[in-house]
Amino acid sequence: MNSRKRKEEAAQHSHLLQRQCATCGAEFSSDQEHRAHMDWHFYRNKRIKSMCGAGEKEEANAVPADEGQEVCPVCGEGFERFFSEEADDWMCKRAVYMNVPAGCFYEDIEKSCRGPILHVNCR
């Protein structure tokens, strides 16, 4: 590959990196999409921080319940479930997805890539 071709590819790659979310790694084809995504992270984080008392912790460390998975594959214990008004769904309390990095939101990761549900302490 010639030098010019490498420089063009490097320029294209660096341009993509400028449109990559530093929080979850999602990539965007336009600055507008990237800004809207970053706004989404900001307002979601703000909403979580503004929740009061137990609700904040309950929603922050919870993932949608999976009827096909009743127990944590690491410790073998069941999950405590609750109904989330905000998500309008049953959730597993104090739980995370194995393949979703800490600090990222599971909504940012395609469902098929999230992996099994684990207890927060089993990660």
PDB file of N, CA and C in Angstrom:
ATOM      1  N   MET A   1       0.860  -1.173   0.000  1.00  0.00           N
ATOM      2  CA  MET A   1       0.000   0.000   0.000  1.00  0.00           C
ATOM      3  C   MET A   1       0.906   1.237   0.000  1.00  0.00           C
ATOM      4  N   ASN A   2       0.569   2.197  -0.829  1.00  0.00           N
ATOM      5  CA  ASN A   2       1.443   3.365  -0.911  1.00  0.00           C
ATOM      6  C   ASN A   2       1.182   4.341   0.236  1.00  0.00           C
ATOM      7  N   SER A   3       2.082   5.269   0.376  1.00  0.00           N
ATOM      8  CA  SER A   3       2.047   6.230   1.470  1.00  0.00           C
ATOM      9  C   SER A   3       0.786   7.098   1.428  1.00  0.00           C
ATOM     10  N   ARG A   4       0.401   7.519   0.236  1.00  0.00           N
ATOM     11  CA  ARG A   4      -0.778   8.381   0.093  1.00  0.00           C
ATOM     12  C   ARG A   4      -2.037   7.652   0.565  1.00  0.00           C
ATOM     13  N   LYS A   5      -2.167   6.393   0.170  1.00  0.00           N
ATOM     14  CA  LYS A   5      -3.333   5.590   0.540  1.00  0.00           C
ATOM     15  C   LYS A   5      -3.408   5.418   2.062  1.00  0.00           C
ATOM     16  N   ARG A   6      -2.258   5.172   2.706  1.00  0.00           N
ATOM     17  CA  ARG A   6      -2.225   5.035   4.171  1.00  0.00           C
ATOM     18  C   ARG A   6      -2.640   6.328   4.856  1.00  0.00           C
ATOM     19  N   LYS A   7      -2.188   7.464   4.325  1.00  0.00           N
ATOM     20  CA  LYS A   7      -2.546   8.757   4.919  1.00  0.00           C
ATOM     21  C   LYS A   7      -4.050   9.008   4.801  1.00  0.00           C
ATOM     22  N   GLU A   8      -4.619   8.643   3.659  1.00  0.00           N
ATOM     23  CA  GLU A   8      -6.064   8.821   3.472  1.00  0.00           C
ATOM     24  C   GLU A   8      -6.846   7.950   4.451  1.00  0.00           C
ATOM     25  N   GLU A   9      -6.424   6.698   4.607  1.00  0.00           N
ATOM     26  CA  GLU A   9      -7.109   5.803   5.543  1.00  0.00           C
ATOM     27  C   GLU A   9      -6.955   6.284   6.982  1.00  0.00           C
ATOM     28  N   ALA A  10      -5.775   6.784   7.323  1.00  0.00           N
ATOM     29  CA  ALA A  10      -5.550   7.305   8.676  1.00  0.00           C
ATOM     30  C   ALA A  10      -6.432   8.528   8.924  1.00  0.00           C
ATOM     31  N   ALA A  11      -6.561   9.382   7.924  1.00  0.00           N
ATOM     32  CA  ALA A  11      -7.406  10.571   8.066  1.00  0.00           C
ATOM     33  C   ALA A  11      -8.865  10.169   8.249  1.00  0.00           C
ATOM     34  N   GLN A  12      -9.322   9.172   7.487  1.00  0.00           N
ATOM     35  CA  GLN A  12     -10.691   8.697   7.630  1.00  0.00           C
ATOM     36  C   GLN A  12     -10.896   8.090   9.010  1.00  0.00           C
ATOM     37  N   HIS A  13      -9.935   7.314   9.477  1.00  0.00           N
ATOM     38  CA  HIS A  13     -10.043   6.675  10.789  1.00  0.00           C
ATOM     39  C   HIS A  13     -10.063   7.730  11.905  1.00  0.00           C
ATOM     40  N   SER A  14      -9.199   8.724  11.827  1.00  0.00           N
ATOM     41  CA  SER A  14      -9.167   9.749  12.869  1.00  0.00           C
ATOM     42  C   SER A  14     -10.454  10.559  12.868  1.00  0.00           C
ATOM     43  N   HIS A  15     -11.061  10.732  11.696  1.00  0.00           N
ATOM     44  CA  HIS A  15     -12.328  11.444  11.620  1.00  0.00           C
ATOM     45  C   HIS A  15     -13.425  10.641  12.319  1.00  0.00           C
ATOM     46  N   LEU A  16     -13.403   9.311  12.146  1.00  0.00           N
ATOM     47  CA  LEU A  16     -14.375   8.465  12.831  1.00  0.00           C
ATOM     48  C   LEU A  16     -14.199   8.537  14.341  1.00  0.00           C
ATOM     49  N   LEU A  17     -12.960   8.563  14.797  1.00  0.00           N
ATOM     50  CA  LEU A  17     -12.707   8.608  16.235  1.00  0.00           C
ATOM     51  C   LEU A  17     -13.275   9.875  16.857  1.00  0.00           C
ATOM     52  N   GLN A  18     -13.305  10.955  16.091  1.00  0.00           N
ATOM     53  CA  GLN A  18     -13.873  12.195  16.609  1.00  0.00           C
ATOM     54  C   GLN A  18     -15.374  12.057  16.808  1.00  0.00           C
ATOM     55  N   ARG A  19     -15.984  11.097  16.133  1.00  0.00           N
ATOM     56  CA  ARG A  19     -17.414  10.874  16.240  1.00  0.00           C
ATOM     57  C   ARG A  19     -17.713   9.594  17.014  1.00  0.00           C
ATOM     58  N   GLN A  20     -16.838   9.227  17.907  1.00  0.00           N
ATOM     59  CA  GLN A  20     -17.040   8.025  18.711  1.00  0.00           C
ATOM     60  C   GLN A  20     -17.343   8.449  20.138  1.00  0.00           C
ATOM     61  N   CYS A  21     -18.362   7.824  20.716  1.00  0.00           N
ATOM     62  CA  CYS A  21     -18.758   8.142  22.081  1.00  0.00           C
ATOM     63  C   CYS A  21     -17.687   7.658  23.051  1.00  0.00           C
ATOM     64  N   ALA A  22     -17.207   8.558  23.886  1.00  0.00           N
ATOM     65  CA  ALA A  22     -16.186   8.209  24.867  1.00  0.00           C
ATOM     66  C   ALA A  22     -16.770   7.370  26.006  1.00  0.00           C
ATOM     67  N   THR A  23     -18.073   7.405  26.169  1.00  0.00           N
ATOM     68  CA  THR A  23     -18.726   6.671  27.242  1.00  0.00           C
ATOM     69  C   THR A  23     -18.983   5.214  26.876  1.00  0.00           C
ATOM     70  N   CYS A  24     -19.538   4.985  25.689  1.00  0.00           N
ATOM     71  CA  CYS A  24     -19.937   3.616  25.336  1.00  0.00           C
ATOM     72  C   CYS A  24     -19.273   3.086  24.067  1.00  0.00           C
ATOM     73  N   GLY A  25     -18.541   3.923  23.340  1.00  0.00           N
ATOM     74  CA  GLY A  25     -17.819   3.468  22.162  1.00  0.00           C
ATOM     75  C   GLY A  25     -18.616   3.471  20.868  1.00  0.00           C
ATOM     76  N   ALA A  26     -19.879   3.874  20.915  1.00  0.00           N
ATOM     77  CA  ALA A  26     -20.692   3.921  19.692  1.00  0.00           C
ATOM     78  C   ALA A  26     -20.072   4.916  18.712  1.00  0.00           C
ATOM     79  N   GLU A  27     -20.147   4.595  17.423  1.00  0.00           N
ATOM     80  CA  GLU A  27     -19.601   5.464  16.385  1.00  0.00           C
ATOM     81  C   GLU A  27     -20.735   6.076  15.579  1.00  0.00           C
ATOM     82  N   PHE A  28     -20.517   7.289  15.093  1.00  0.00           N
ATOM     83  CA  PHE A  28     -21.563   8.022  14.385  1.00  0.00           C
ATOM     84  C   PHE A  28     -21.034   8.578  13.081  1.00  0.00           C
ATOM     85  N   SER A  29     -21.922   8.650  12.092  1.00  0.00           N
ATOM     86  CA  SER A  29     -21.519   9.118  10.769  1.00  0.00           C
ATOM     87  C   SER A  29     -21.595  10.628  10.639  1.00  0.00           C
ATOM     88  N   SER A  30     -22.230  11.297  11.588  1.00  0.00           N
ATOM     89  CA  SER A  30     -22.285  12.762  11.510  1.00  0.00           C
ATOM     90  C   SER A  30     -22.076  13.366  12.895  1.00  0.00           C
ATOM     91  N   ASP A  31     -21.604  14.598  12.891  1.00  0.00           N
ATOM     92  CA  ASP A  31     -21.410  15.316  14.157  1.00  0.00           C
ATOM     93  C   ASP A  31     -22.744  15.522  14.867  1.00  0.00           C
ATOM     94  N   GLN A  32     -23.791  15.745  14.100  1.00  0.00           N
ATOM     95  CA  GLN A  32     -25.116  15.972  14.684  1.00  0.00           C
ATOM     96  C   GLN A  32     -25.594  14.729  15.448  1.00  0.00           C
ATOM     97  N   GLU A  33     -25.429  13.550  14.854  1.00  0.00           N
ATOM     98  CA  GLU A  33     -25.810  12.309  15.537  1.00  0.00           C
ATOM     99  C   GLU A  33     -24.982  12.116  16.805  1.00  0.00           C
ATOM    100  N   HIS A  34     -23.695  12.411  16.714  1.00  0.00           N
ATOM    101  CA  HIS A  34     -22.808  12.264  17.870  1.00  0.00           C
ATOM    102  C   HIS A  34     -23.229  13.207  18.994  1.00  0.00           C
ATOM    103  N   ARG A  35     -23.511  14.468  18.663  1.00  0.00           N
ATOM    104  CA  ARG A  35     -23.942  15.432  19.680  1.00  0.00           C
ATOM    105  C   ARG A  35     -25.256  15.001  20.335  1.00  0.00           C
ATOM    106  N   ALA A  36     -26.203  14.531  19.521  1.00  0.00           N
ATOM    107  CA  ALA A  36     -27.493  14.082  20.066  1.00  0.00           C
ATOM    108  C   ALA A  36     -27.289  12.899  21.012  1.00  0.00           C
ATOM    109  N   HIS A  37     -26.403  11.995  20.648  1.00  0.00           N
ATOM    110  CA  HIS A  37     -26.105  10.843  21.501  1.00  0.00           C
ATOM    111  C   HIS A  37     -25.467  11.291  22.819  1.00  0.00           C
ATOM    112  N   MET A  38     -24.529  12.213  22.758  1.00  0.00           N
ATOM    113  CA  MET A  38     -23.883  12.702  23.979  1.00  0.00           C
ATOM    114  C   MET A  38     -24.890  13.440  24.865  1.00  0.00           C
ATOM    115  N   ASP A  39     -25.827  14.169  24.246  1.00  0.00           N
ATOM    116  CA  ASP A  39     -26.894  14.809  25.013  1.00  0.00           C
ATOM    117  C   ASP A  39     -27.741  13.757  25.722  1.00  0.00           C
ATOM    118  N   TRP A  40     -28.009  12.643  25.010  1.00  0.00           N
ATOM    119  CA  TRP A  40     -28.790  11.568  25.608  1.00  0.00           C
ATOM    120  C   TRP A  40     -28.091  11.052  26.857  1.00  0.00           C
ATOM    121  N   HIS A  41     -26.767  10.801  26.781  1.00  0.00           N
ATOM    122  CA  HIS A  41     -26.017  10.347  27.958  1.00  0.00           C
ATOM    123  C   HIS A  41     -26.131  11.364  29.087  1.00  0.00           C
ATOM    124  N   PHE A  42     -25.955  12.637  28.755  1.00  0.00           N
ATOM    125  CA  PHE A  42     -25.990  13.688  29.768  1.00  0.00           C
ATOM    126  C   PHE A  42     -27.330  13.708  30.501  1.00  0.00           C
ATOM    127  N   TYR A  43     -28.423  13.736  29.737  1.00  0.00           N
ATOM    128  CA  TYR A  43     -29.734  13.833  30.370  1.00  0.00           C
ATOM    129  C   TYR A  43     -30.117  12.538  31.093  1.00  0.00           C
ATOM    130  N   ARG A  44     -29.680  11.402  30.594  1.00  0.00           N
ATOM    131  CA  ARG A  44     -29.956  10.143  31.289  1.00  0.00           C
ATOM    132  C   ARG A  44     -29.205  10.112  32.618  1.00  0.00           C
ATOM    133  N   ASN A  45     -27.950  10.515  32.612  1.00  0.00           N
ATOM    134  CA  ASN A  45     -27.172  10.555  33.859  1.00  0.00           C
ATOM    135  C   ASN A  45     -27.778  11.542  34.837  1.00  0.00           C
ATOM    136  N   LYS A  46     -28.211  12.683  34.317  1.00  0.00           N
ATOM    137  CA  LYS A  46     -28.823  13.701  35.175  1.00  0.00           C
ATOM    138  C   LYS A  46     -30.103  13.161  35.808  1.00  0.00           C
ATOM    139  N   ARG A  47     -30.917  12.439  35.023  1.00  0.00           N
ATOM    140  CA  ARG A  47     -32.162  11.862  35.531  1.00  0.00           C
ATOM    141  C   ARG A  47     -31.876  10.841  36.624  1.00  0.00           C
ATOM    142  N   ILE A  48     -30.881   9.991  36.401  1.00  0.00           N
ATOM    143  CA  ILE A  48     -30.540   8.978  37.404  1.00  0.00           C
ATOM    144  C   ILE A  48     -30.077   9.644  38.697  1.00  0.00           C
ATOM    145  N   LYS A  49     -29.240  10.680  38.576  1.00  0.00           N
ATOM    146  CA  LYS A  49     -28.732  11.364  39.763  1.00  0.00           C
ATOM    147  C   LYS A  49     -29.823  12.112  40.507  1.00  0.00           C
ATOM    148  N   SER A  50     -30.874  12.549  39.794  1.00  0.00           N
ATOM    149  CA  SER A  50     -31.932  13.318  40.431  1.00  0.00           C
ATOM    150  C   SER A  50     -32.979  12.449  41.114  1.00  0.00           C
ATOM    151  N   MET A  51     -32.954  11.140  40.847  1.00  0.00           N
ATOM    152  CA  MET A  51     -33.907  10.250  41.516  1.00  0.00           C
ATOM    153  C   MET A  51     -33.608  10.252  43.013  1.00  0.00           C
ATOM    154  N   CYS A  52     -34.617  10.039  43.798  1.00  0.00           N
ATOM    155  CA  CYS A  52     -34.394  10.112  45.245  1.00  0.00           C
ATOM    156  C   CYS A  52     -34.278   8.734  45.873  1.00  0.00           C
ATOM    157  N   GLY A  53     -33.542   8.653  46.953  1.00  0.00           N
ATOM    158  CA  GLY A  53     -33.464   7.486  47.818  1.00  0.00           C
ATOM    159  C   GLY A  53     -33.182   6.181  47.120  1.00  0.00           C
ATOM    160  N   ALA A  54     -33.928   5.144  47.503  1.00  0.00           N
ATOM    161  CA  ALA A  54     -33.699   3.793  47.005  1.00  0.00           C
ATOM    162  C   ALA A  54     -33.954   3.687  45.510  1.00  0.00           C
ATOM    163  N   GLY A  55     -34.850   4.492  45.002  1.00  0.00           N
ATOM    164  CA  GLY A  55     -35.162   4.440  43.582  1.00  0.00           C
ATOM    165  C   GLY A  55     -33.933   4.634  42.720  1.00  0.00           C
ATOM    166  N   GLU A  56     -33.056   5.522  43.122  1.00  0.00           N
ATOM    167  CA  GLU A  56     -31.844   5.789  42.348  1.00  0.00           C
ATOM    168  C   GLU A  56     -30.989   4.537  42.240  1.00  0.00           C
ATOM    169  N   LYS A  57     -30.735   3.904  43.361  1.00  0.00           N
ATOM    170  CA  LYS A  57     -29.883   2.716  43.352  1.00  0.00           C
ATOM    171  C   LYS A  57     -30.585   1.552  42.664  1.00  0.00           C
ATOM    172  N   GLU A  58     -31.882   1.438  42.884  1.00  0.00           N
ATOM    173  CA  GLU A  58     -32.632   0.339  42.301  1.00  0.00           C
ATOM    174  C   GLU A  58     -32.585   0.409  40.778  1.00  0.00           C
ATOM    175  N   GLU A  59     -32.814   1.570  40.200  1.00  0.00           N
ATOM    176  CA  GLU A  59     -32.809   1.726  38.749  1.00  0.00           C
ATOM    177  C   GLU A  59     -31.397   1.699  38.178  1.00  0.00           C
ATOM    178  N   ALA A  60     -30.434   2.235  38.892  1.00  0.00           N
ATOM    179  CA  ALA A  60     -29.070   2.327  38.367  1.00  0.00           C
ATOM    180  C   ALA A  60     -28.393   0.959  38.273  1.00  0.00           C
ATOM    181  N   ASN A  61     -28.716   0.046  39.151  1.00  0.00           N
ATOM    182  CA  ASN A  61     -28.096  -1.293  39.140  1.00  0.00           C
ATOM    183  C   ASN A  61     -29.134  -2.354  38.829  1.00  0.00           C
ATOM    184  N   ALA A  62     -29.873  -2.141  37.744  1.00  0.00           N
ATOM    185  CA  ALA A  62     -30.911  -3.085  37.366  1.00  0.00           C
ATOM    186  C   ALA A  62     -30.923  -3.258  35.854  1.00  0.00           C
ATOM    187  N   VAL A  63     -31.288  -4.465  35.434  1.00  0.00           N
ATOM    188  CA  VAL A  63     -31.430  -4.776  34.010  1.00  0.00           C
ATOM    189  C   VAL A  63     -32.757  -5.486  33.810  1.00  0.00           C
ATOM    190  N   PRO A  64     -33.320  -5.430  32.603  1.00  0.00           N
ATOM    191  CA  PRO A  64     -34.590  -6.117  32.367  1.00  0.00           C
ATOM    192  C   PRO A  64     -34.473  -7.615  32.654  1.00  0.00           C
ATOM    193  N   ALA A  65     -35.476  -8.137  33.332  1.00  0.00           N
ATOM    194  CA  ALA A  65     -35.498  -9.570  33.657  1.00  0.00           C
ATOM    195  C   ALA A  65     -35.613 -10.383  32.374  1.00  0.00           C
ATOM    196  N   ASP A  66     -34.992 -11.534  32.378  1.00  0.00           N
ATOM    197  CA  ASP A  66     -35.017 -12.449  31.238  1.00  0.00           C
ATOM    198  C   ASP A  66     -35.703 -13.730  31.703  1.00  0.00           C
ATOM    199  N   GLU A  67     -36.849 -14.036  31.106  1.00  0.00           N
ATOM    200  CA  GLU A  67     -37.597 -15.237  31.512  1.00  0.00           C
ATOM    201  C   GLU A  67     -36.779 -16.507  31.336  1.00  0.00           C
ATOM    202  N   GLY A  68     -35.804 -16.476  30.424  1.00  0.00           N
ATOM    203  CA  GLY A  68     -34.979 -17.647  30.177  1.00  0.00           C
ATOM    204  C   GLY A  68     -33.811 -17.796  31.126  1.00  0.00           C
ATOM    205  N   GLN A  69     -33.633 -16.819  32.017  1.00  0.00           N
ATOM    206  CA  GLN A  69     -32.511 -16.888  32.961  1.00  0.00           C
ATOM    207  C   GLN A  69     -33.009 -16.544  34.356  1.00  0.00           C
ATOM    208  N   GLU A  70     -33.112 -17.531  35.192  1.00  0.00           N
ATOM    209  CA  GLU A  70     -33.628 -17.348  36.550  1.00  0.00           C
ATOM    210  C   GLU A  70     -32.519 -17.139  37.584  1.00  0.00           C
ATOM    211  N   VAL A  71     -31.298 -17.645  37.282  1.00  0.00           N
ATOM    212  CA  VAL A  71     -30.214 -17.578  38.267  1.00  0.00           C
ATOM    213  C   VAL A  71     -28.946 -16.993  37.643  1.00  0.00           C
ATOM    214  N   CYS A  72     -28.082 -16.493  38.492  1.00  0.00           N
ATOM    215  CA  CYS A  72     -26.775 -15.974  38.080  1.00  0.00           C
ATOM    216  C   CYS A  72     -25.881 -17.160  37.716  1.00  0.00           C
ATOM    217  N   PRO A  73     -25.243 -17.133  36.544  1.00  0.00           N
ATOM    218  CA  PRO A  73     -24.393 -18.256  36.156  1.00  0.00           C
ATOM    219  C   PRO A  73     -23.106 -18.373  36.972  1.00  0.00           C
ATOM    220  N   VAL A  74     -22.746 -17.339  37.708  1.00  0.00           N
ATOM    221  CA  VAL A  74     -21.518 -17.370  38.507  1.00  0.00           C
ATOM    222  C   VAL A  74     -21.766 -18.005  39.867  1.00  0.00           C
ATOM    223  N   CYS A  75     -22.797 -17.508  40.584  1.00  0.00           N
ATOM    224  CA  CYS A  75     -23.031 -17.996  41.955  1.00  0.00           C
ATOM    225  C   CYS A  75     -24.198 -18.972  42.061  1.00  0.00           C
ATOM    226  N   GLY A  76     -25.044 -19.053  41.033  1.00  0.00           N
ATOM    227  CA  GLY A  76     -26.170 -19.975  41.050  1.00  0.00           C
ATOM    228  C   GLY A  76     -27.380 -19.505  41.838  1.00  0.00           C
ATOM    229  N   GLU A  77     -27.344 -18.294  42.365  1.00  0.00           N
ATOM    230  CA  GLU A  77     -28.470 -17.760  43.134  1.00  0.00           C
ATOM    231  C   GLU A  77     -29.413 -16.990  42.225  1.00  0.00           C
ATOM    232  N   GLY A  78     -30.691 -16.934  42.614  1.00  0.00           N
ATOM    233  CA  GLY A  78     -31.705 -16.222  41.849  1.00  0.00           C
ATOM    234  C   GLY A  78     -31.559 -14.709  41.977  1.00  0.00           C
ATOM    235  N   PHE A  79     -32.279 -14.005  41.113  1.00  0.00           N
ATOM    236  CA  PHE A  79     -32.264 -12.544  41.118  1.00  0.00           C
ATOM    237  C   PHE A  79     -33.488 -12.015  41.847  1.00  0.00           C
ATOM    238  N   GLU A  80     -33.310 -10.896  42.547  1.00  0.00           N
ATOM    239  CA  GLU A  80     -34.451 -10.209  43.139  1.00  0.00           C
ATOM    240  C   GLU A  80     -35.065  -9.361  42.042  1.00  0.00           C
ATOM    241  N   ARG A  81     -36.353  -9.526  41.812  1.00  0.00           N
ATOM    242  CA  ARG A  81     -37.027  -8.813  40.715  1.00  0.00           C
ATOM    243  C   ARG A  81     -37.972  -7.760  41.262  1.00  0.00           C
ATOM    244  N   PHE A  82     -38.170  -6.709  40.482  1.00  0.00           N
ATOM    245  CA  PHE A  82     -39.122  -5.656  40.821  1.00  0.00           C
ATOM    246  C   PHE A  82     -39.677  -5.075  39.530  1.00  0.00           C
ATOM    247  N   PHE A  83     -40.839  -4.438  39.630  1.00  0.00           N
ATOM    248  CA  PHE A  83     -41.428  -3.818  38.455  1.00  0.00           C
ATOM    249  C   PHE A  83     -41.027  -2.351  38.412  1.00  0.00           C
ATOM    250  N   SER A  84     -40.415  -1.935  37.308  1.00  0.00           N
ATOM    251  CA  SER A  84     -39.992  -0.546  37.124  1.00  0.00           C
ATOM    252  C   SER A  84     -41.074   0.213  36.379  1.00  0.00           C
ATOM    253  N   GLU A  85     -41.615   1.244  37.019  1.00  0.00           N
ATOM    254  CA  GLU A  85     -42.606   2.103  36.368  1.00  0.00           C
ATOM    255  C   GLU A  85     -41.966   2.825  35.178  1.00  0.00           C
ATOM    256  N   GLU A  86     -40.739   3.290  35.370  1.00  0.00           N
ATOM    257  CA  GLU A  86     -40.050   4.042  34.319  1.00  0.00           C
ATOM    258  C   GLU A  86     -39.805   3.191  33.075  1.00  0.00           C
ATOM    259  N   ALA A  87     -39.320   1.967  33.273  1.00  0.00           N
ATOM    260  CA  ALA A  87     -39.031   1.085  32.140  1.00  0.00           C
ATOM    261  C   ALA A  87     -40.272   0.315  31.690  1.00  0.00           C
ATOM    262  N   ASP A  88     -41.319   0.309  32.526  1.00  0.00           N
ATOM    263  CA  ASP A  88     -42.538  -0.437  32.255  1.00  0.00           C
ATOM    264  C   ASP A  88     -42.207  -1.907  31.983  1.00  0.00           C
ATOM    265  N   ASP A  89     -41.366  -2.447  32.864  1.00  0.00           N
ATOM    266  CA  ASP A  89     -40.899  -3.821  32.671  1.00  0.00           C
ATOM    267  C   ASP A  89     -40.423  -4.381  34.010  1.00  0.00           C
ATOM    268  N   TRP A  90     -40.367  -5.709  34.097  1.00  0.00           N
ATOM    269  CA  TRP A  90     -39.775  -6.364  35.259  1.00  0.00           C
ATOM    270  C   TRP A  90     -38.256  -6.281  35.129  1.00  0.00           C
ATOM    271  N   MET A  91     -37.594  -5.985  36.241  1.00  0.00           N
ATOM    272  CA  MET A  91     -36.151  -5.792  36.266  1.00  0.00           C
ATOM    273  C   MET A  91     -35.521  -6.697  37.319  1.00  0.00           C
ATOM    274  N   CYS A  92     -34.250  -7.022  37.105  1.00  0.00           N
ATOM    275  CA  CYS A  92     -33.448  -7.739  38.103  1.00  0.00           C
ATOM    276  C   CYS A  92     -32.658  -6.699  38.880  1.00  0.00           C
ATOM    277  N   LYS A  93     -32.850  -6.694  40.184  1.00  0.00           N
ATOM    278  CA  LYS A  93     -32.194  -5.726  41.064  1.00  0.00           C
ATOM    279  C   LYS A  93     -30.749  -6.140  41.322  1.00  0.00           C
ATOM    280  N   ARG A  94     -29.863  -5.150  41.442  1.00  0.00           N
ATOM    281  CA  ARG A  94     -28.438  -5.366  41.696  1.00  0.00           C
ATOM    282  C   ARG A  94     -27.856  -6.367  40.697  1.00  0.00           C
ATOM    283  N   ALA A  95     -28.116  -6.094  39.408  1.00  0.00           N
ATOM    284  CA  ALA A  95     -27.678  -6.993  38.345  1.00  0.00           C
ATOM    285  C   ALA A  95     -27.088  -6.208  37.173  1.00  0.00           C
ATOM    286  N   VAL A  96     -26.225  -6.863  36.429  1.00  0.00           N
ATOM    287  CA  VAL A  96     -25.583  -6.278  35.244  1.00  0.00           C
ATOM    288  C   VAL A  96     -25.487  -7.345  34.166  1.00  0.00           C
ATOM    289  N   TYR A  97     -25.232  -6.909  32.935  1.00  0.00           N
ATOM    290  CA  TYR A  97     -24.949  -7.862  31.867  1.00  0.00           C
ATOM    291  C   TYR A  97     -23.452  -8.124  31.839  1.00  0.00           C
ATOM    292  N   MET A  98     -23.064  -9.363  31.614  1.00  0.00           N
ATOM    293  CA  MET A  98     -21.659  -9.748  31.634  1.00  0.00           C
ATOM    294  C   MET A  98     -20.822  -8.961  30.623  1.00  0.00           C
ATOM    295  N   ASN A  99     -21.334  -8.710  29.418  1.00  0.00           N
ATOM    296  CA  ASN A  99     -20.534  -8.080  28.367  1.00  0.00           C
ATOM    297  C   ASN A  99     -20.708  -6.572  28.249  1.00  0.00           C
ATOM    298  N   VAL A 100     -21.423  -5.946  29.165  1.00  0.00           N
ATOM    299  CA  VAL A 100     -21.577  -4.493  29.144  1.00  0.00           C
ATOM    300  C   VAL A 100     -20.562  -3.910  30.114  1.00  0.00           C
ATOM    301  N   PRO A 101     -19.587  -3.137  29.607  1.00  0.00           N
ATOM    302  CA  PRO A 101     -18.549  -2.590  30.483  1.00  0.00           C
ATOM    303  C   PRO A 101     -19.122  -1.713  31.589  1.00  0.00           C
ATOM    304  N   ALA A 102     -18.479  -1.731  32.742  1.00  0.00           N
ATOM    305  CA  ALA A 102     -18.887  -0.882  33.859  1.00  0.00           C
ATOM    306  C   ALA A 102     -18.904   0.565  33.387  1.00  0.00           C
ATOM    307  N   GLY A 103     -19.920   1.296  33.785  1.00  0.00           N
ATOM    308  CA  GLY A 103     -20.052   2.699  33.398  1.00  0.00           C
ATOM    309  C   GLY A 103     -20.835   2.903  32.112  1.00  0.00           C
ATOM    310  N   CYS A 104     -21.132   1.844  31.391  1.00  0.00           N
ATOM    311  CA  CYS A 104     -21.924   1.942  30.168  1.00  0.00           C
ATOM    312  C   CYS A 104     -23.359   1.514  30.465  1.00  0.00           C
ATOM    313  N   PHE A 105     -24.269   1.999  29.664  1.00  0.00           N
ATOM    314  CA  PHE A 105     -25.666   1.632  29.811  1.00  0.00           C
ATOM    315  C   PHE A 105     -25.998   0.477  28.891  1.00  0.00           C
ATOM    316  N   TYR A 106     -26.759  -0.482  29.406  1.00  0.00           N
ATOM    317  CA  TYR A 106     -27.076  -1.655  28.596  1.00  0.00           C
ATOM    318  C   TYR A 106     -27.853  -1.287  27.343  1.00  0.00           C
ATOM    319  N   GLU A 107     -28.590  -0.167  27.376  1.00  0.00           N
ATOM    320  CA  GLU A 107     -29.359   0.254  26.208  1.00  0.00           C
ATOM    321  C   GLU A 107     -28.446   0.588  25.027  1.00  0.00           C
ATOM    322  N   ASP A 108     -27.189   0.914  25.334  1.00  0.00           N
ATOM    323  CA  ASP A 108     -26.241   1.299  24.289  1.00  0.00           C
ATOM    324  C   ASP A 108     -25.660   0.092  23.556  1.00  0.00           C
ATOM    325  N   ILE A 109     -25.870  -1.092  24.090  1.00  0.00           N
ATOM    326  CA  ILE A 109     -25.290  -2.311  23.528  1.00  0.00           C
ATOM    327  C   ILE A 109     -26.408  -3.166  22.939  1.00  0.00           C
ATOM    328  N   GLU A 110     -26.193  -3.676  21.731  1.00  0.00           N
ATOM    329  CA  GLU A 110     -27.186  -4.529  21.089  1.00  0.00           C
ATOM    330  C   GLU A 110     -27.502  -5.713  22.009  1.00  0.00           C
ATOM    331  N   LYS A 111     -28.778  -6.051  22.098  1.00  0.00           N
ATOM    332  CA  LYS A 111     -29.231  -7.087  23.037  1.00  0.00           C
ATOM    333  C   LYS A 111     -28.475  -8.403  22.876  1.00  0.00           C
ATOM    334  N   SER A 112     -28.222  -8.812  21.643  1.00  0.00           N
ATOM    335  CA  SER A 112     -27.555 -10.092  21.418  1.00  0.00           C
ATOM    336  C   SER A 112     -26.095 -10.087  21.874  1.00  0.00           C
ATOM    337  N   CYS A 113     -25.530  -8.914  22.130  1.00  0.00           N
ATOM    338  CA  CYS A 113     -24.125  -8.800  22.537  1.00  0.00           C
ATOM    339  C   CYS A 113     -23.951  -8.604  24.044  1.00  0.00           C
ATOM    340  N   ARG A 114     -25.025  -8.448  24.782  1.00  0.00           N
ATOM    341  CA  ARG A 114     -24.941  -8.121  26.209  1.00  0.00           C
ATOM    342  C   ARG A 114     -24.451  -9.283  27.073  1.00  0.00           C
ATOM    343  N   GLY A 115     -24.722 -10.503  26.671  1.00  0.00           N
ATOM    344  CA  GLY A 115     -24.329 -11.660  27.466  1.00  0.00           C
ATOM    345  C   GLY A 115     -25.324 -11.935  28.569  1.00  0.00           C
ATOM    346  N   PRO A 116     -25.033 -12.923  29.415  1.00  0.00           N
ATOM    347  CA  PRO A 116     -25.955 -13.284  30.494  1.00  0.00           C
ATOM    348  C   PRO A 116     -25.979 -12.231  31.601  1.00  0.00           C
ATOM    349  N   ILE A 117     -27.021 -12.293  32.399  1.00  0.00           N
ATOM    350  CA  ILE A 117     -27.177 -11.389  33.542  1.00  0.00           C
ATOM    351  C   ILE A 117     -26.399 -11.966  34.722  1.00  0.00           C
ATOM    352  N   LEU A 118     -25.670 -11.101  35.419  1.00  0.00           N
ATOM    353  CA  LEU A 118     -24.916 -11.481  36.622  1.00  0.00           C
ATOM    354  C   LEU A 118     -25.318 -10.571  37.772  1.00  0.00           C
ATOM    355  N   HIS A 119     -25.118 -11.029  39.001  1.00  0.00           N
ATOM    356  CA  HIS A 119     -25.239 -10.122  40.148  1.00  0.00           C
ATOM    357  C   HIS A 119     -24.090  -9.119  40.054  1.00  0.00           C
ATOM    358  N   VAL A 120     -24.320  -7.910  40.491  1.00  0.00           N
ATOM    359  CA  VAL A 120     -23.274  -6.867  40.462  1.00  0.00           C
ATOM    360  C   VAL A 120     -22.013  -7.378  41.155  1.00  0.00           C
ATOM    361  N   ASN A 121     -22.167  -8.058  42.282  1.00  0.00           N
ATOM    362  CA  ASN A 121     -21.017  -8.539  43.059  1.00  0.00           C
ATOM    363  C   ASN A 121     -20.327  -9.756  42.437  1.00  0.00           C
ATOM    364  N   CYS A 122     -20.943 -10.371  41.434  1.00  0.00           N
ATOM    365  CA  CYS A 122     -20.363 -11.549  40.788  1.00  0.00           C
ATOM    366  C   CYS A 122     -19.519 -11.183  39.571  1.00  0.00           C
ATOM    367  N   ARG A 123     -19.539  -9.941  39.162  1.00  0.00           N
ATOM    368  CA  ARG A 123     -18.793  -9.532  37.971  1.00  0.00           C
ATOM    369  C   ARG A 123     -17.322  -9.612  38.204  1.00  0.00           C
TER     370      ARG A 123
END
